[in-house]
Amino acid sequence: MTDEVFKRNMASVADFEFGEKVASVFDDMLTRSVPFYEEIQRMIGEMARDFAVEGSRIYDLGCSTGTTLILLDGHVPKGVSFVGVDNSEEMLKRCRTKLGQHGISRECELVCTDLNEGVAISNASMVLMVLTLQFIRPLHRQALMRSILAGLNENGCLMLVEKVLGEDSMFNRLFIKYYYELKKRHGYSELEIAQKREALENVLVPYKLLENRQLLIETGFRHVDVFFKWYNFCGIVAVK
């Protein structure tokens, strides 16, 4: 379905929620709103071949409709089990349907929980957070990173994809302008862009790229590097 969530002029814009209305168009929303989304997914699959270990688990925190899990199924050994975690039952419902439609036969557990309250992770060779950490309240991010690190096996990796602030206010303004131009090229109107920005204002709290990197280093990851960067979006890989 086509994303038209913010197409109608709203008298009052409510905070963004991952409910039924958003879940029904989420796949279209991602491909039109996230620069190089398909390439980011391809890169995740490519790196998964080097990090996923037979007999371990891959956790997708904020798995939404299961797009990344479906992609990974074709890249990692069959003995790797999947755990998808999301705080939206509507997203998980679509995830279950899509996993079935794509014939995913490996062990795959779907868990509905609020990551602000923590998450139990064990025997993980990979943990994915694709556009998820930005929705976790800053107060809880350090504790969540510690839980992830504790549940990763040695040499396991965290792959983090985030919308980020520019390191400098001038570049931050420019990068946002370039991002909105991309959204316009993908068919969003000025009204849609403005109303979604307002809806996300108190919900999505981005860090700077270097702040995210520092968070990972302070948590205890041994190796941290950037694998993707486009203006105000980045991908970071961190290894235990």
Protein backbone atom coordinates (compact mmCIF):
# COMPACT_ATOMS: atom_id res chain seq x y z
CA MET A 1 0.00 0.00 0.00
CA THR A 2 1.10 3.57 -0.71
CA ASP A 3 2.03 5.76 2.25
CA GLU A 4 -0.58 8.52 2.51
CA VAL A 5 -0.59 8.80 6.32
CA PHE A 6 0.15 12.53 6.30
CA LYS A 7 -1.42 13.46 2.96
CA ARG A 8 -4.55 15.04 4.45
CA ASN A 9 -4.24 18.45 6.10
CA MET A 10 -4.58 17.85 9.84
CA ALA A 11 -5.90 20.43 12.28
CA SER A 12 -3.70 18.88 14.98
CA VAL A 13 -0.80 16.51 14.33
CA ALA A 14 -0.51 13.76 16.94
CA ASP A 15 2.76 12.10 17.94
CA PHE A 16 3.93 9.44 15.50
CA GLU A 17 2.82 5.89 16.43
CA PHE A 18 3.58 2.50 14.90
CA GLY A 19 -0.08 1.48 14.87
CA GLU A 20 -2.28 -0.11 12.25
CA LYS A 21 -2.34 2.92 9.97
CA VAL A 22 1.46 3.15 9.78
CA ALA A 23 2.03 -0.61 9.75
CA SER A 24 -0.20 -1.03 6.69
CA VAL A 25 2.03 1.27 4.59
CA PHE A 26 5.34 0.89 6.41
CA ASP A 27 7.25 -0.89 3.65
CA ASP A 28 6.41 1.88 1.18
CA MET A 29 7.24 4.49 3.81
CA LEU A 30 10.72 3.04 4.32
CA THR A 31 11.65 2.73 0.65
CA ARG A 32 10.49 6.31 -0.05
CA SER A 33 11.79 7.92 3.16
CA VAL A 34 15.14 6.22 3.81
CA PRO A 35 17.92 7.01 1.34
CA PHE A 36 19.47 3.93 -0.29
CA TYR A 37 17.30 1.67 1.87
CA GLU A 38 17.65 -1.31 -0.46
CA GLU A 39 21.43 -0.87 -0.59
CA ILE A 40 21.62 -0.69 3.21
CA GLN A 41 19.67 -3.95 3.37
CA ARG A 42 21.99 -5.53 0.81
CA MET A 43 25.03 -4.46 2.84
CA ILE A 44 23.53 -5.94 6.02
CA GLY A 45 23.04 -9.26 4.22
CA GLU A 46 26.57 -9.14 2.85
CA MET A 47 28.14 -8.57 6.27
CA ALA A 48 25.87 -11.15 7.86
CA ARG A 49 27.65 -13.85 5.87
CA ASP A 50 30.84 -13.01 7.80
CA PHE A 51 29.31 -12.64 11.26
CA ALA A 52 26.40 -15.11 11.53
CA VAL A 53 27.53 -18.32 13.24
CA GLU A 54 25.86 -21.73 12.98
CA GLY A 55 23.91 -22.52 16.14
CA SER A 56 23.65 -18.88 17.24
CA ARG A 57 20.85 -16.31 17.11
CA ILE A 58 20.32 -13.11 15.16
CA TYR A 59 18.19 -10.51 16.93
CA ASP A 60 16.40 -7.80 14.95
CA LEU A 61 15.40 -5.15 17.49
CA GLY A 62 12.62 -3.11 15.94
CA CYS A 63 11.97 -5.75 13.29
CA SER A 64 8.76 -4.02 12.07
CA THR A 65 7.31 -6.02 9.14
CA GLY A 66 10.25 -8.43 8.88
CA THR A 67 11.98 -7.09 5.76
CA THR A 68 15.50 -7.54 7.18
CA LEU A 69 14.80 -11.02 8.58
CA ILE A 70 13.51 -12.14 5.19
CA LEU A 71 16.62 -10.77 3.51
CA LEU A 72 18.92 -12.50 6.00
CA ASP A 73 17.27 -15.87 5.41
CA GLY A 74 19.08 -16.09 2.08
CA HIS A 75 22.49 -15.13 3.52
CA VAL A 76 23.06 -17.04 6.76
CA PRO A 77 23.29 -20.76 7.67
CA LYS A 78 20.02 -22.59 8.34
CA GLY A 79 21.23 -23.39 11.86
CA VAL A 80 21.01 -19.72 12.79
CA SER A 81 17.72 -18.85 14.49
CA PHE A 82 15.99 -15.47 14.30
CA VAL A 83 14.44 -13.37 17.05
CA GLY A 84 12.39 -10.38 15.95
CA VAL A 85 11.51 -7.82 18.60
CA ASP A 86 9.06 -4.92 18.23
CA ASN A 87 6.74 -2.93 20.48
CA SER A 88 3.92 -2.92 17.89
CA GLU A 89 1.60 -5.91 17.63
CA GLU A 90 0.39 -4.51 14.29
CA MET A 91 3.94 -4.65 12.92
CA LEU A 92 4.51 -8.16 14.27
CA LYS A 93 1.25 -9.34 12.72
CA ARG A 94 2.48 -8.23 9.30
CA CYS A 95 5.89 -9.70 10.03
CA ARG A 96 4.38 -13.14 10.71
CA THR A 97 2.38 -12.94 7.49
CA LYS A 98 5.39 -11.92 5.40
CA LEU A 99 7.61 -14.62 6.91
CA GLY A 100 5.00 -17.19 5.94
CA GLN A 101 4.58 -15.75 2.44
CA HIS A 102 8.34 -16.00 1.87
CA GLY A 103 8.50 -19.56 3.15
CA ILE A 104 10.84 -18.85 6.06
CA SER A 105 11.21 -22.26 7.69
CA ARG A 106 14.04 -21.68 10.19
CA GLU A 107 13.32 -21.15 13.88
CA CYS A 108 12.00 -17.60 14.25
CA GLU A 109 10.60 -16.14 17.46
CA LEU A 110 8.69 -12.86 17.45
CA VAL A 111 8.53 -10.91 20.71
CA CYS A 112 6.39 -7.85 21.51
CA THR A 113 8.15 -5.67 24.06
CA ASP A 114 9.18 -2.09 24.72
CA LEU A 115 12.94 -1.77 24.29
CA ASN A 116 12.89 1.17 26.70
CA GLU A 117 12.30 -1.44 29.38
CA GLY A 118 15.25 -3.59 28.27
CA VAL A 119 15.56 -6.83 26.33
CA ALA A 120 16.92 -10.30 27.09
CA ILE A 121 19.57 -11.39 24.57
CA SER A 122 21.63 -14.58 24.60
CA ASN A 123 23.84 -16.59 22.22
CA ALA A 124 23.73 -13.81 19.62
CA SER A 125 26.20 -13.59 16.77
CA MET A 126 24.41 -10.52 15.41
CA VAL A 127 22.07 -7.86 16.75
CA LEU A 128 20.41 -5.46 14.32
CA MET A 129 18.91 -2.08 15.09
CA VAL A 130 17.75 -0.63 11.79
CA LEU A 131 16.29 2.83 12.45
CA THR A 132 15.37 1.77 16.00
CA LEU A 133 17.72 3.34 18.54
CA GLN A 134 16.54 6.82 17.54
CA PHE A 135 13.11 5.94 18.98
CA ILE A 136 14.53 4.76 22.32
CA ARG A 137 14.47 7.45 24.99
CA PRO A 138 18.05 8.72 25.50
CA LEU A 139 17.84 7.92 29.22
CA HIS A 140 17.60 4.19 28.37
CA ARG A 141 20.06 3.88 25.47
CA GLN A 142 23.18 3.11 27.52
CA ALA A 143 21.42 0.31 29.44
CA LEU A 144 20.08 -1.16 26.19
CA MET A 145 23.58 -1.14 24.67
CA ARG A 146 24.93 -2.93 27.73
CA SER A 147 22.24 -5.62 27.41
CA ILE A 148 23.13 -6.10 23.74
CA LEU A 149 26.85 -6.36 24.46
CA ALA A 150 26.25 -8.85 27.28
CA GLY A 151 24.11 -11.07 25.04
CA LEU A 152 26.50 -11.07 22.08
CA ASN A 153 28.98 -13.88 21.68
CA GLU A 154 32.67 -13.04 21.33
CA ASN A 155 33.27 -11.46 17.90
CA GLY A 156 29.54 -10.94 17.50
CA CYS A 157 28.41 -7.67 15.97
CA LEU A 158 25.82 -4.97 16.38
CA MET A 159 24.65 -3.27 13.19
CA LEU A 160 23.12 0.11 13.85
CA VAL A 161 21.37 2.22 11.20
CA GLU A 162 20.28 5.67 12.34
CA LYS A 163 19.07 9.06 11.27
CA VAL A 164 21.67 11.44 12.71
CA LEU A 165 22.30 15.10 13.39
CA GLY A 166 25.09 16.87 11.56
CA GLU A 167 28.23 17.47 13.59
CA ASP A 168 27.95 21.18 12.74
CA SER A 169 24.74 23.25 12.71
CA MET A 170 25.43 24.57 9.20
CA PHE A 171 25.79 21.09 7.76
CA ASN A 172 22.83 19.88 9.79
CA ARG A 173 20.59 22.44 8.07
CA LEU A 174 21.99 21.56 4.65
CA PHE A 175 21.65 17.80 5.17
CA ILE A 176 18.03 18.17 6.28
CA LYS A 177 17.34 20.27 3.18
CA TYR A 178 18.89 17.61 0.93
CA TYR A 179 16.87 14.92 2.72
CA TYR A 180 13.58 16.74 2.18
CA GLU A 181 14.49 17.15 -1.49
CA LEU A 182 14.90 13.37 -1.69
CA LYS A 183 11.46 12.88 -0.15
CA LYS A 184 9.97 15.24 -2.71
CA ARG A 185 11.64 13.27 -5.51
CA HIS A 186 9.98 10.17 -4.05
CA GLY A 187 6.53 11.74 -4.30
CA TYR A 188 5.94 13.33 -0.90
CA SER A 189 4.37 16.80 -0.81
CA GLU A 190 5.51 19.74 1.30
CA LEU A 191 2.45 19.17 3.51
CA GLU A 192 3.29 15.50 4.07
CA ILE A 193 6.90 16.30 4.91
CA ALA A 194 5.92 19.08 7.34
CA GLN A 195 3.24 17.06 9.14
CA LYS A 196 5.42 13.98 9.52
CA ARG A 197 8.26 16.16 10.85
CA GLU A 198 5.87 17.56 13.47
CA ALA A 199 4.59 14.08 14.38
CA LEU A 200 8.15 12.82 14.91
CA GLU A 201 9.40 15.86 16.82
CA ASN A 202 8.94 14.40 20.30
CA VAL A 203 9.28 10.76 19.29
CA LEU A 204 12.45 10.46 17.19
CA VAL A 205 15.50 11.83 19.04
CA PRO A 206 18.62 11.53 16.89
CA TYR A 207 22.22 11.70 18.08
CA LYS A 208 25.19 12.87 16.09
CA LEU A 209 27.16 10.12 14.36
CA LEU A 210 30.11 10.63 16.72
CA GLU A 211 27.79 10.52 19.74
CA ASN A 212 26.48 7.14 18.60
CA ARG A 213 30.03 5.94 18.03
CA GLN A 214 31.09 7.13 21.48
CA LEU A 215 28.10 5.38 23.05
CA LEU A 216 29.24 2.09 21.52
CA ILE A 217 32.86 2.55 22.57
CA GLU A 218 31.89 3.49 26.13
CA THR A 219 29.65 0.41 26.28
CA GLY A 220 32.68 -1.77 25.58
CA PHE A 221 32.63 -2.73 21.91
CA ARG A 222 36.19 -3.41 20.70
CA HIS A 223 35.83 -2.33 17.07
CA VAL A 224 33.48 0.37 15.75
CA ASP A 225 33.28 1.67 12.19
CA VAL A 226 30.90 3.39 9.76
CA PHE A 227 29.74 1.23 6.85
CA PHE A 228 27.23 3.69 5.35
CA LYS A 229 26.78 7.47 5.32
CA TRP A 230 24.39 9.68 3.37
CA TYR A 231 23.96 13.21 4.68
CA ASN A 232 21.88 12.69 7.85
CA PHE A 233 21.71 8.89 7.75
CA CYS A 234 24.43 6.46 8.78
CA GLY A 235 25.17 2.78 9.35
CA ILE A 236 27.59 1.69 12.08
CA VAL A 237 28.98 -1.79 12.76
CA ALA A 238 30.40 -2.62 16.20
CA VAL A 239 32.11 -5.88 17.22
CA LYS A 240 32.38 -7.38 20.70
